[in-house]
């Protein structure tokens, strides 16, 4: 099981390209590096023995008649992104008031090892029923983001919301819930603070 790495010829090589060295290793563990040496006429390399859901780094170094080229094209990649397990957990979630009807939810991002891919987050705010008022599906707010924060506007006044965060990976992620519901209270006063815990405990 492997991945094919491709690259372009240097735009302005310092001499004639004689060969390339492809260095690859587990992300943030350069001591585990392995390399392959290729002729200067070859611009792709099949990296063998990669494990799905594990982040890797790869660097391609050109050697010319003048010596070793610079290392400035480091890339992070996965052979295959997997879905995070249901047991993953986001440790810290903070809710900050931006206006009477706007909040910013932020959290600790998952590491690439835990996420088993490049994480995509989905944050959902669901209003809780109050005074017998029926909850409308249009009142449920969802933000999908690659960042570790999400801004929600146009919240209903004097309503509390249940906030949950899910995480997935890949182009069509399946979002597994990774936090317990958090209570957010929207009030009529700009200075009011969210009620309930600001963590997922």
N, C-alpha and C. Protein backbone atom coordinates (compact mmCIF):
# COMPACT_ATOMS: atom_id res chain seq x y z
N UNK A 1 0.85 -1.19 0.00
CA UNK A 1 0.00 0.00 0.00
C UNK A 1 0.89 1.24 0.00
N UNK A 2 0.69 2.11 -0.96
CA UNK A 2 1.54 3.28 -1.04
C UNK A 2 0.85 4.45 -1.70
N UNK A 3 1.60 5.53 -1.83
CA UNK A 3 1.11 6.75 -2.48
C UNK A 3 2.16 7.22 -3.45
N UNK A 4 1.70 7.78 -4.57
CA UNK A 4 2.63 8.29 -5.57
C UNK A 4 2.83 9.79 -5.38
N UNK A 5 4.07 10.19 -5.25
CA UNK A 5 4.43 11.60 -5.11
C UNK A 5 4.95 12.09 -6.45
N UNK A 6 4.43 13.23 -6.91
CA UNK A 6 4.91 13.82 -8.16
C UNK A 6 5.38 15.24 -7.89
N UNK A 7 6.26 15.75 -8.73
CA UNK A 7 6.78 17.11 -8.57
C UNK A 7 7.20 17.65 -9.93
N UNK A 8 7.41 18.96 -9.98
CA UNK A 8 7.83 19.62 -11.20
C UNK A 8 9.34 19.87 -11.16
N UNK A 9 9.90 20.01 -12.33
CA UNK A 9 11.32 20.36 -12.42
C UNK A 9 11.55 21.72 -11.77
N UNK A 10 12.68 21.93 -11.11
CA UNK A 10 12.96 23.25 -10.54
C UNK A 10 12.91 24.32 -11.61
N UNK A 11 12.27 25.45 -11.31
CA UNK A 11 12.14 26.53 -12.29
C UNK A 11 13.50 27.11 -12.66
N UNK A 12 14.37 27.28 -11.67
CA UNK A 12 15.69 27.84 -11.92
C UNK A 12 16.74 27.01 -11.17
N UNK A 13 17.05 25.82 -11.68
CA UNK A 13 18.02 24.98 -10.99
C UNK A 13 19.42 25.57 -11.06
N UNK A 14 20.17 25.35 -10.00
CA UNK A 14 21.55 25.83 -9.95
C UNK A 14 22.45 24.76 -10.57
N UNK A 15 22.38 24.66 -11.88
CA UNK A 15 23.11 23.63 -12.60
C UNK A 15 22.16 22.58 -13.16
N UNK A 16 22.71 21.51 -13.68
CA UNK A 16 21.92 20.42 -14.26
C UNK A 16 21.49 19.47 -13.15
N UNK A 17 20.17 19.14 -13.14
CA UNK A 17 19.66 18.22 -12.13
C UNK A 17 20.17 16.81 -12.43
N UNK A 18 20.90 16.25 -11.49
CA UNK A 18 21.47 14.92 -11.65
C UNK A 18 20.55 13.85 -11.06
N UNK A 19 20.01 14.13 -9.87
CA UNK A 19 19.12 13.17 -9.23
C UNK A 19 18.25 13.86 -8.19
N UNK A 20 17.23 13.14 -7.75
CA UNK A 20 16.34 13.61 -6.68
C UNK A 20 16.42 12.62 -5.52
N UNK A 21 16.29 13.16 -4.33
CA UNK A 21 16.14 12.33 -3.15
C UNK A 21 14.76 12.60 -2.56
N UNK A 22 14.01 11.53 -2.36
CA UNK A 22 12.68 11.64 -1.77
C UNK A 22 12.76 11.15 -0.33
N UNK A 23 12.53 12.07 0.63
CA UNK A 23 12.54 11.74 2.05
C UNK A 23 11.10 11.69 2.54
N UNK A 24 10.74 10.65 3.27
CA UNK A 24 9.39 10.57 3.82
C UNK A 24 9.45 9.91 5.19
N UNK A 25 8.57 10.38 6.05
CA UNK A 25 8.56 9.90 7.43
C UNK A 25 7.23 10.22 8.07
N UNK A 26 6.95 9.57 9.19
CA UNK A 26 5.73 9.86 9.95
C UNK A 26 5.78 11.31 10.42
N UNK A 27 4.68 11.99 10.32
CA UNK A 27 4.57 13.41 10.67
C UNK A 27 5.20 13.70 12.03
N UNK A 28 6.07 14.71 12.06
CA UNK A 28 6.75 15.18 13.27
C UNK A 28 7.68 14.13 13.88
N UNK A 29 8.12 13.18 13.06
CA UNK A 29 9.05 12.16 13.54
C UNK A 29 10.11 11.91 12.48
N UNK A 30 10.96 12.92 12.27
CA UNK A 30 11.98 12.84 11.22
C UNK A 30 12.97 11.71 11.46
N UNK A 31 13.06 11.23 12.70
CA UNK A 31 13.98 10.14 12.99
C UNK A 31 13.55 8.83 12.32
N UNK A 32 12.30 8.79 11.84
CA UNK A 32 11.80 7.58 11.18
C UNK A 32 11.92 7.67 9.67
N UNK A 33 12.75 8.60 9.17
CA UNK A 33 12.75 8.86 7.73
C UNK A 33 13.33 7.70 6.92
N UNK A 34 12.81 7.61 5.70
CA UNK A 34 13.26 6.66 4.69
C UNK A 34 13.41 7.46 3.41
N UNK A 35 14.28 7.03 2.53
CA UNK A 35 14.50 7.82 1.33
C UNK A 35 14.64 6.94 0.10
N UNK A 36 14.44 7.57 -1.03
CA UNK A 36 14.65 6.93 -2.32
C UNK A 36 15.42 7.87 -3.22
N UNK A 37 16.36 7.36 -3.99
CA UNK A 37 17.17 8.16 -4.91
C UNK A 37 16.72 7.87 -6.32
N UNK A 38 16.46 8.94 -7.09
CA UNK A 38 15.94 8.79 -8.45
C UNK A 38 16.78 9.60 -9.42
N UNK A 39 16.78 9.16 -10.65
CA UNK A 39 17.45 9.90 -11.71
C UNK A 39 16.80 11.26 -11.90
N UNK A 40 17.59 12.25 -12.35
CA UNK A 40 17.07 13.58 -12.57
C UNK A 40 16.01 13.67 -13.64
N UNK A 41 15.83 12.60 -14.43
CA UNK A 41 14.81 12.59 -15.47
C UNK A 41 13.46 12.12 -14.94
N UNK A 42 13.42 11.64 -13.71
CA UNK A 42 12.19 11.10 -13.12
C UNK A 42 11.58 12.12 -12.18
N UNK A 43 10.27 12.34 -12.29
CA UNK A 43 9.59 13.32 -11.43
C UNK A 43 8.40 12.72 -10.68
N UNK A 44 8.47 11.44 -10.37
CA UNK A 44 7.47 10.82 -9.52
C UNK A 44 8.08 9.62 -8.81
N UNK A 45 7.47 9.28 -7.67
CA UNK A 45 8.02 8.19 -6.86
C UNK A 45 6.88 7.55 -6.08
N UNK A 46 6.83 6.22 -6.11
CA UNK A 46 5.82 5.49 -5.34
C UNK A 46 6.38 5.17 -3.97
N UNK A 47 5.78 5.76 -2.92
CA UNK A 47 6.20 5.50 -1.54
C UNK A 47 5.46 4.25 -1.06
N UNK A 48 6.19 3.19 -0.73
CA UNK A 48 5.53 1.93 -0.34
C UNK A 48 5.29 1.84 1.17
N UNK A 49 4.45 0.90 1.55
CA UNK A 49 4.30 0.52 2.95
C UNK A 49 3.68 1.55 3.86
N UNK A 50 2.82 2.43 3.34
CA UNK A 50 2.19 3.45 4.17
C UNK A 50 0.92 2.90 4.83
N UNK A 51 0.63 3.41 6.01
CA UNK A 51 -0.53 2.95 6.78
C UNK A 51 -1.66 3.96 6.67
N UNK A 52 -2.85 3.52 6.39
CA UNK A 52 -4.01 4.42 6.29
C UNK A 52 -4.28 5.08 7.63
N UNK A 53 -4.69 6.37 7.58
CA UNK A 53 -5.03 7.10 8.79
C UNK A 53 -3.85 7.64 9.56
N UNK A 54 -2.63 7.49 9.03
CA UNK A 54 -1.42 7.99 9.67
C UNK A 54 -0.88 9.15 8.84
N UNK A 55 -0.58 10.30 9.46
CA UNK A 55 -0.04 11.43 8.69
C UNK A 55 1.45 11.24 8.41
N UNK A 56 1.85 11.60 7.21
CA UNK A 56 3.24 11.52 6.80
C UNK A 56 3.70 12.86 6.26
N UNK A 57 5.00 13.07 6.28
CA UNK A 57 5.61 14.22 5.63
C UNK A 57 6.52 13.72 4.53
N UNK A 58 6.60 14.47 3.44
CA UNK A 58 7.48 14.11 2.34
C UNK A 58 8.22 15.35 1.86
N UNK A 59 9.48 15.15 1.51
CA UNK A 59 10.33 16.23 1.00
C UNK A 59 11.07 15.69 -0.22
N UNK A 60 11.10 16.48 -1.29
CA UNK A 60 11.87 16.12 -2.48
C UNK A 60 13.03 17.09 -2.60
N UNK A 61 14.25 16.55 -2.65
CA UNK A 61 15.46 17.37 -2.73
C UNK A 61 16.16 17.10 -4.06
N UNK A 62 16.47 18.17 -4.78
CA UNK A 62 17.18 18.03 -6.05
C UNK A 62 18.69 18.17 -5.82
N UNK A 63 19.45 17.35 -6.52
CA UNK A 63 20.91 17.44 -6.52
C UNK A 63 21.35 17.83 -7.93
N UNK A 64 22.11 18.88 -8.03
CA UNK A 64 22.60 19.35 -9.33
C UNK A 64 24.12 19.24 -9.37
N UNK A 65 24.68 19.67 -10.48
CA UNK A 65 26.13 19.67 -10.62
C UNK A 65 26.79 20.60 -9.61
N UNK A 66 25.98 21.51 -9.00
CA UNK A 66 26.52 22.44 -8.01
C UNK A 66 26.31 21.93 -6.58
N UNK A 67 25.59 20.81 -6.41
CA UNK A 67 25.40 20.27 -5.07
C UNK A 67 23.93 20.10 -4.71
N UNK A 68 23.66 19.99 -3.40
CA UNK A 68 22.31 19.72 -2.89
C UNK A 68 21.46 20.98 -2.91
N UNK A 69 20.23 20.83 -3.37
CA UNK A 69 19.32 21.97 -3.41
C UNK A 69 18.69 22.23 -2.05
N UNK A 70 17.93 23.32 -1.96
CA UNK A 70 17.28 23.70 -0.71
C UNK A 70 16.04 22.84 -0.46
N UNK A 71 15.65 22.74 0.81
CA UNK A 71 14.45 22.00 1.20
C UNK A 71 13.36 23.01 1.53
N UNK A 72 12.42 23.18 0.63
CA UNK A 72 11.36 24.16 0.86
C UNK A 72 10.00 23.70 0.34
N UNK A 73 9.87 22.41 0.13
CA UNK A 73 8.61 21.90 -0.44
C UNK A 73 8.03 20.77 0.40
N UNK A 74 8.17 20.89 1.72
CA UNK A 74 7.67 19.85 2.62
C UNK A 74 6.13 19.78 2.55
N UNK A 75 5.60 18.57 2.43
CA UNK A 75 4.15 18.38 2.34
C UNK A 75 3.70 17.34 3.36
N UNK A 76 2.49 17.55 3.89
CA UNK A 76 1.87 16.59 4.80
C UNK A 76 0.77 15.88 4.02
N UNK A 77 0.68 14.57 4.18
CA UNK A 77 -0.32 13.83 3.41
C UNK A 77 -0.71 12.55 4.16
N UNK A 78 -1.82 11.96 3.71
CA UNK A 78 -2.28 10.67 4.19
C UNK A 78 -2.38 9.73 3.00
N UNK A 79 -2.02 8.48 3.19
CA UNK A 79 -2.30 7.51 2.14
C UNK A 79 -3.79 7.41 1.94
N UNK A 80 -4.51 7.38 3.06
CA UNK A 80 -5.98 7.35 3.05
C UNK A 80 -6.47 7.95 4.35
N UNK A 81 -7.43 8.85 4.26
CA UNK A 81 -8.03 9.42 5.46
C UNK A 81 -9.12 8.49 5.98
N UNK A 82 -9.14 8.29 7.30
CA UNK A 82 -10.15 7.46 7.92
C UNK A 82 -11.07 8.32 8.78
N UNK A 83 -12.20 7.78 9.17
CA UNK A 83 -13.09 8.50 10.07
C UNK A 83 -12.56 8.40 11.49
N UNK A 84 -12.62 9.51 12.24
CA UNK A 84 -12.23 9.43 13.66
C UNK A 84 -13.11 8.44 14.40
N UNK A 85 -12.57 7.81 15.42
CA UNK A 85 -13.37 6.89 16.22
C UNK A 85 -14.33 7.68 17.09
N UNK A 86 -15.37 7.01 17.55
CA UNK A 86 -16.38 7.68 18.38
C UNK A 86 -15.82 8.08 19.75
N UNK A 87 -14.65 7.54 20.11
CA UNK A 87 -14.11 7.80 21.43
C UNK A 87 -13.28 9.08 21.51
N UNK A 88 -13.03 9.75 20.36
CA UNK A 88 -12.22 10.97 20.41
C UNK A 88 -13.00 12.06 21.15
N UNK A 89 -12.25 12.99 21.71
CA UNK A 89 -12.89 14.02 22.53
C UNK A 89 -12.16 15.34 22.36
N UNK A 90 -12.92 16.42 22.27
CA UNK A 90 -12.36 17.76 22.25
C UNK A 90 -12.37 18.27 23.68
N UNK A 91 -11.20 18.61 24.18
CA UNK A 91 -11.04 18.92 25.60
C UNK A 91 -11.67 20.24 26.03
N UNK A 92 -11.49 21.29 25.25
CA UNK A 92 -11.91 22.62 25.68
C UNK A 92 -12.79 23.27 24.63
N UNK A 93 -13.96 23.71 25.05
CA UNK A 93 -14.86 24.46 24.17
C UNK A 93 -15.20 25.76 24.88
N UNK A 94 -15.06 26.88 24.19
CA UNK A 94 -15.37 28.18 24.75
C UNK A 94 -16.44 28.87 23.91
N UNK A 95 -17.37 29.52 24.58
CA UNK A 95 -18.42 30.29 23.92
C UNK A 95 -18.24 31.74 24.32
N UNK A 96 -18.05 32.62 23.33
CA UNK A 96 -17.89 34.05 23.61
C UNK A 96 -19.00 34.84 22.92
N UNK A 97 -19.55 35.79 23.66
CA UNK A 97 -20.60 36.64 23.13
C UNK A 97 -20.00 37.71 22.22
N UNK A 98 -20.54 37.86 21.02
CA UNK A 98 -20.13 38.92 20.11
C UNK A 98 -21.16 40.05 20.08
N UNK A 99 -22.41 39.68 20.25
CA UNK A 99 -23.51 40.65 20.29
C UNK A 99 -24.68 39.94 20.98
N UNK A 100 -25.80 40.62 21.21
CA UNK A 100 -26.93 39.94 21.86
C UNK A 100 -27.40 38.68 21.14
N UNK A 101 -27.18 38.62 19.82
CA UNK A 101 -27.65 37.46 19.07
C UNK A 101 -26.55 36.79 18.26
N UNK A 102 -25.29 36.99 18.66
CA UNK A 102 -24.17 36.37 17.94
C UNK A 102 -23.17 35.81 18.95
N UNK A 103 -22.61 34.64 18.62
CA UNK A 103 -21.59 34.04 19.46
C UNK A 103 -20.45 33.50 18.61
N UNK A 104 -19.31 33.31 19.25
CA UNK A 104 -18.17 32.65 18.63
C UNK A 104 -17.87 31.41 19.47
N UNK A 105 -17.98 30.25 18.86
CA UNK A 105 -17.64 28.99 19.52
C UNK A 105 -16.25 28.57 19.05
N UNK A 106 -15.36 28.27 20.00
CA UNK A 106 -14.01 27.83 19.65
C UNK A 106 -13.64 26.60 20.47
N UNK A 107 -12.68 25.84 19.99
CA UNK A 107 -12.33 24.59 20.64
C UNK A 107 -10.90 24.21 20.30
N UNK A 108 -10.37 23.25 21.04
CA UNK A 108 -9.04 22.72 20.75
C UNK A 108 -9.14 21.79 19.55
N UNK A 109 -8.36 22.07 18.52
CA UNK A 109 -8.41 21.23 17.33
C UNK A 109 -7.79 19.87 17.62
N UNK A 110 -8.29 18.86 16.93
CA UNK A 110 -7.74 17.52 17.08
C UNK A 110 -6.43 17.40 16.31
N UNK A 111 -5.51 16.61 16.83
CA UNK A 111 -4.27 16.36 16.11
C UNK A 111 -4.55 15.49 14.89
N UNK A 112 -3.64 15.51 13.92
CA UNK A 112 -3.81 14.69 12.73
C UNK A 112 -3.83 13.21 13.07
N UNK A 113 -3.09 12.82 14.12
CA UNK A 113 -3.07 11.42 14.52
C UNK A 113 -4.42 10.99 15.08
N UNK A 114 -5.03 11.85 15.90
CA UNK A 114 -6.32 11.52 16.50
C UNK A 114 -7.43 11.57 15.46
N UNK A 115 -7.39 12.58 14.60
CA UNK A 115 -8.44 12.74 13.59
C UNK A 115 -8.35 11.67 12.50
N UNK A 116 -7.14 11.12 12.28
CA UNK A 116 -6.88 10.13 11.23
C UNK A 116 -7.07 10.72 9.84
N UNK A 117 -6.92 12.03 9.75
CA UNK A 117 -7.07 12.75 8.49
C UNK A 117 -7.05 14.23 8.79
N UNK A 118 -7.28 15.07 7.77
CA UNK A 118 -7.38 16.51 7.99
C UNK A 118 -8.79 16.79 8.52
N UNK A 119 -8.92 17.25 9.77
CA UNK A 119 -10.24 17.32 10.39
C UNK A 119 -11.14 18.39 9.79
N UNK A 120 -12.42 18.04 9.67
CA UNK A 120 -13.48 18.97 9.29
C UNK A 120 -14.49 18.94 10.42
N UNK A 121 -14.86 20.12 10.92
CA UNK A 121 -15.75 20.20 12.07
C UNK A 121 -17.15 20.66 11.65
N UNK A 122 -18.14 20.14 12.35
CA UNK A 122 -19.51 20.58 12.14
C UNK A 122 -20.10 20.94 13.50
N UNK A 123 -20.49 22.20 13.65
CA UNK A 123 -21.05 22.69 14.90
C UNK A 123 -22.54 22.95 14.69
N UNK A 124 -23.35 22.40 15.59
CA UNK A 124 -24.80 22.54 15.46
C UNK A 124 -25.39 23.15 16.73
N UNK A 125 -26.15 24.22 16.56
CA UNK A 125 -26.89 24.84 17.66
C UNK A 125 -28.38 24.52 17.48
N UNK A 126 -28.96 23.89 18.48
CA UNK A 126 -30.38 23.52 18.43
C UNK A 126 -31.11 24.23 19.56
N UNK A 127 -32.12 25.07 19.25
CA UNK A 127 -32.84 25.76 20.33
C UNK A 127 -33.65 24.78 21.16
N UNK A 128 -33.63 25.01 22.45
CA UNK A 128 -34.43 24.17 23.35
C UNK A 128 -35.83 24.75 23.48
N UNK A 129 -36.79 23.88 23.60
CA UNK A 129 -38.18 24.33 23.69
C UNK A 129 -38.39 25.18 24.93
N UNK A 130 -39.18 26.23 24.77
CA UNK A 130 -39.46 27.12 25.91
C UNK A 130 -40.93 27.53 25.86
N UNK A 131 -41.61 27.45 27.03
CA UNK A 131 -43.00 27.88 27.16
C UNK A 131 -43.92 27.19 26.15
N UNK A 132 -43.64 25.94 25.91
CA UNK A 132 -44.50 25.18 25.00
C UNK A 132 -44.30 25.52 23.54
N UNK A 133 -43.33 26.39 23.24
CA UNK A 133 -43.10 26.78 21.85
C UNK A 133 -42.49 25.63 21.08
N UNK A 134 -43.04 25.32 19.94
CA UNK A 134 -42.55 24.22 19.15
C UNK A 134 -41.26 24.62 18.42
N UNK A 135 -40.29 23.73 18.47
CA UNK A 135 -39.01 23.99 17.82
C UNK A 135 -39.15 23.81 16.31
N UNK A 136 -38.68 24.79 15.55
CA UNK A 136 -38.73 24.70 14.10
C UNK A 136 -37.36 24.27 13.57
N UNK A 137 -37.39 23.44 12.53
CA UNK A 137 -36.13 22.97 11.96
C UNK A 137 -35.31 24.13 11.42
N UNK A 138 -35.97 25.19 10.96
CA UNK A 138 -35.25 26.35 10.43
C UNK A 138 -34.48 27.10 11.50
N UNK A 139 -34.81 26.84 12.78
CA UNK A 139 -34.10 27.50 13.88
C UNK A 139 -32.80 26.79 14.24
N UNK A 140 -32.61 25.58 13.72
CA UNK A 140 -31.37 24.83 13.97
C UNK A 140 -30.27 25.40 13.07
N UNK A 141 -29.16 25.79 13.67
CA UNK A 141 -28.06 26.43 12.93
C UNK A 141 -26.86 25.49 12.88
N UNK A 142 -26.27 25.35 11.70
CA UNK A 142 -25.12 24.46 11.51
C UNK A 142 -24.03 25.17 10.73
N UNK A 143 -22.80 25.06 11.21
CA UNK A 143 -21.63 25.60 10.51
C UNK A 143 -20.63 24.47 10.31
N UNK A 144 -20.15 24.32 9.09
CA UNK A 144 -19.11 23.34 8.77
C UNK A 144 -17.83 24.10 8.45
N UNK A 145 -16.71 23.71 9.08
CA UNK A 145 -15.49 24.49 8.94
C UNK A 145 -14.24 23.62 9.10
N UNK A 146 -13.15 24.05 8.48
CA UNK A 146 -11.84 23.42 8.71
C UNK A 146 -11.10 24.10 9.85
N UNK A 147 -11.64 25.23 10.31
CA UNK A 147 -11.01 25.97 11.41
C UNK A 147 -11.48 25.41 12.75
N UNK A 148 -10.87 25.92 13.84
CA UNK A 148 -11.27 25.47 15.18
C UNK A 148 -12.15 26.53 15.85
N UNK A 149 -12.98 27.19 15.05
CA UNK A 149 -13.96 28.13 15.60
C UNK A 149 -15.11 28.27 14.60
N UNK A 150 -16.25 28.74 15.10
CA UNK A 150 -17.41 28.98 14.25
C UNK A 150 -18.19 30.14 14.82
N UNK A 151 -18.63 31.03 13.95
CA UNK A 151 -19.41 32.20 14.37
C UNK A 151 -20.87 31.99 13.97
N UNK A 152 -21.77 32.22 14.93
CA UNK A 152 -23.20 32.10 14.68
C UNK A 152 -23.86 33.45 14.87
N UNK A 153 -24.67 33.83 13.89
CA UNK A 153 -25.42 35.09 13.93
C UNK A 153 -26.93 34.80 13.92
N UNK A 154 -27.69 35.82 14.21
CA UNK A 154 -29.16 35.76 14.14
C UNK A 154 -29.75 34.68 15.05
N UNK A 155 -29.17 34.54 16.25
CA UNK A 155 -29.76 33.63 17.21
C UNK A 155 -31.05 34.21 17.77
N UNK A 156 -31.95 33.34 18.19
CA UNK A 156 -33.22 33.78 18.75
C UNK A 156 -33.00 34.35 20.14
N UNK A 157 -33.60 35.49 20.43
CA UNK A 157 -33.46 36.10 21.74
C UNK A 157 -34.21 35.31 22.80
N UNK A 158 -33.67 35.36 24.01
CA UNK A 158 -34.30 34.72 25.17
C UNK A 158 -34.54 33.23 24.94
N UNK A 159 -33.66 32.59 24.23
CA UNK A 159 -33.74 31.15 24.02
C UNK A 159 -32.41 30.51 24.39
N UNK A 160 -32.44 29.33 24.93
CA UNK A 160 -31.21 28.58 25.18
C UNK A 160 -31.01 27.56 24.05
N UNK A 161 -29.77 27.29 23.74
CA UNK A 161 -29.42 26.37 22.68
C UNK A 161 -28.57 25.23 23.23
N UNK A 162 -28.70 24.10 22.59
CA UNK A 162 -27.81 22.98 22.85
C UNK A 162 -26.79 22.95 21.71
N UNK A 163 -25.49 23.03 22.07
CA UNK A 163 -24.43 23.07 21.06
C UNK A 163 -23.63 21.78 21.10
N UNK A 164 -23.42 21.17 19.94
CA UNK A 164 -22.58 19.98 19.84
C UNK A 164 -21.61 20.16 18.68
N UNK A 165 -20.46 19.51 18.78
CA UNK A 165 -19.45 19.55 17.73
C UNK A 165 -19.19 18.13 17.25
N UNK A 166 -19.20 17.97 15.94
CA UNK A 166 -18.85 16.69 15.34
C UNK A 166 -17.61 16.88 14.48
N UNK A 167 -16.91 15.79 14.20
CA UNK A 167 -15.71 15.87 13.38
C UNK A 167 -15.69 14.73 12.38
N UNK A 168 -15.19 15.04 11.19
CA UNK A 168 -15.03 14.03 10.15
C UNK A 168 -13.78 14.35 9.35
N UNK A 169 -13.51 13.55 8.35
CA UNK A 169 -12.35 13.78 7.47
C UNK A 169 -12.76 13.50 6.03
N UNK A 170 -11.91 13.93 5.10
CA UNK A 170 -12.16 13.64 3.69
C UNK A 170 -13.08 14.63 3.03
N UNK A 171 -13.37 14.36 1.74
CA UNK A 171 -14.19 15.26 0.94
C UNK A 171 -15.67 15.17 1.30
N UNK A 172 -16.13 14.01 1.73
CA UNK A 172 -17.53 13.83 2.12
C UNK A 172 -17.56 13.23 3.53
N UNK A 173 -17.23 14.04 4.54
CA UNK A 173 -17.09 13.51 5.90
C UNK A 173 -18.40 13.06 6.52
N UNK A 174 -18.31 12.03 7.34
CA UNK A 174 -19.39 11.62 8.22
C UNK A 174 -19.06 12.17 9.59
N UNK A 175 -19.90 13.03 10.13
CA UNK A 175 -19.56 13.75 11.35
C UNK A 175 -19.96 12.96 12.59
N UNK A 176 -18.95 12.44 13.29
CA UNK A 176 -19.17 11.79 14.57
C UNK A 176 -19.16 12.83 15.67
N UNK A 177 -20.16 12.79 16.55
CA UNK A 177 -20.23 13.76 17.64
C UNK A 177 -19.08 13.52 18.61
N UNK A 178 -18.33 14.59 18.94
CA UNK A 178 -17.18 14.44 19.82
C UNK A 178 -17.29 15.31 21.07
N UNK A 179 -18.39 16.01 21.25
CA UNK A 179 -18.62 16.74 22.50
C UNK A 179 -20.02 16.47 23.00
N UNK A 180 -20.18 16.58 24.30
CA UNK A 180 -21.51 16.53 24.88
C UNK A 180 -22.21 17.87 24.65
N UNK A 181 -23.53 17.91 24.71
CA UNK A 181 -24.23 19.19 24.49
C UNK A 181 -23.79 20.26 25.49
N UNK A 182 -23.64 21.48 25.00
CA UNK A 182 -23.27 22.64 25.80
C UNK A 182 -24.45 23.61 25.77
N UNK A 183 -24.80 24.17 26.91
CA UNK A 183 -25.92 25.11 26.97
C UNK A 183 -25.46 26.52 26.65
N UNK A 184 -26.13 27.18 25.71
CA UNK A 184 -25.86 28.57 25.36
C UNK A 184 -27.16 29.34 25.51
N UNK A 185 -27.14 30.40 26.31
CA UNK A 185 -28.34 31.22 26.52
C UNK A 185 -28.19 32.53 25.78
N UNK A 186 -29.15 32.85 24.91
CA UNK A 186 -29.16 34.12 24.19
C UNK A 186 -30.15 35.04 24.90
N UNK A 187 -29.70 36.21 25.33
CA UNK A 187 -30.55 37.13 26.07
C UNK A 187 -30.71 38.43 25.29
N UNK A 188 -31.47 39.35 25.88
CA UNK A 188 -31.70 40.65 25.25
C UNK A 188 -30.59 41.65 25.55
N UNK A 189 -29.68 41.31 26.45
CA UNK A 189 -28.65 42.25 26.86
C UNK A 189 -27.31 41.90 26.22
N UNK A 190 -26.64 42.93 25.68
CA UNK A 190 -25.35 42.70 25.01
C UNK A 190 -24.27 42.26 25.97
N UNK A 191 -24.43 42.59 27.25
CA UNK A 191 -23.39 42.28 28.22
C UNK A 191 -23.59 40.94 28.89
N UNK A 192 -24.68 40.25 28.56
CA UNK A 192 -24.96 38.98 29.22
C UNK A 192 -23.97 37.92 28.76
N UNK A 193 -23.69 36.98 29.65
CA UNK A 193 -22.78 35.89 29.34
C UNK A 193 -23.57 34.62 29.09
N UNK A 194 -22.98 33.68 28.32
CA UNK A 194 -23.66 32.40 28.12
C UNK A 194 -23.84 31.70 29.46
N UNK A 195 -24.94 30.96 29.60
CA UNK A 195 -25.15 30.22 30.84
C UNK A 195 -24.69 28.79 30.66
N UNK A 196 -24.50 28.10 31.78
CA UNK A 196 -24.05 26.73 31.73
C UNK A 196 -22.55 26.67 31.62
N UNK A 197 -22.03 25.46 31.59
CA UNK A 197 -20.58 25.28 31.50
C UNK A 197 -20.09 25.67 30.13
N UNK A 198 -18.84 26.15 30.07
CA UNK A 198 -18.25 26.46 28.77
C UNK A 198 -17.31 25.37 28.34
N UNK A 199 -17.44 24.21 28.95
CA UNK A 199 -16.70 23.03 28.50
C UNK A 199 -17.68 21.95 28.18
N UNK A 200 -17.16 20.82 27.71
CA UNK A 200 -18.04 19.74 27.31
C UNK A 200 -18.24 18.73 28.42
N UNK A 201 -17.94 19.12 29.67
CA UNK A 201 -18.15 18.20 30.79
C UNK A 201 -19.62 18.28 31.25
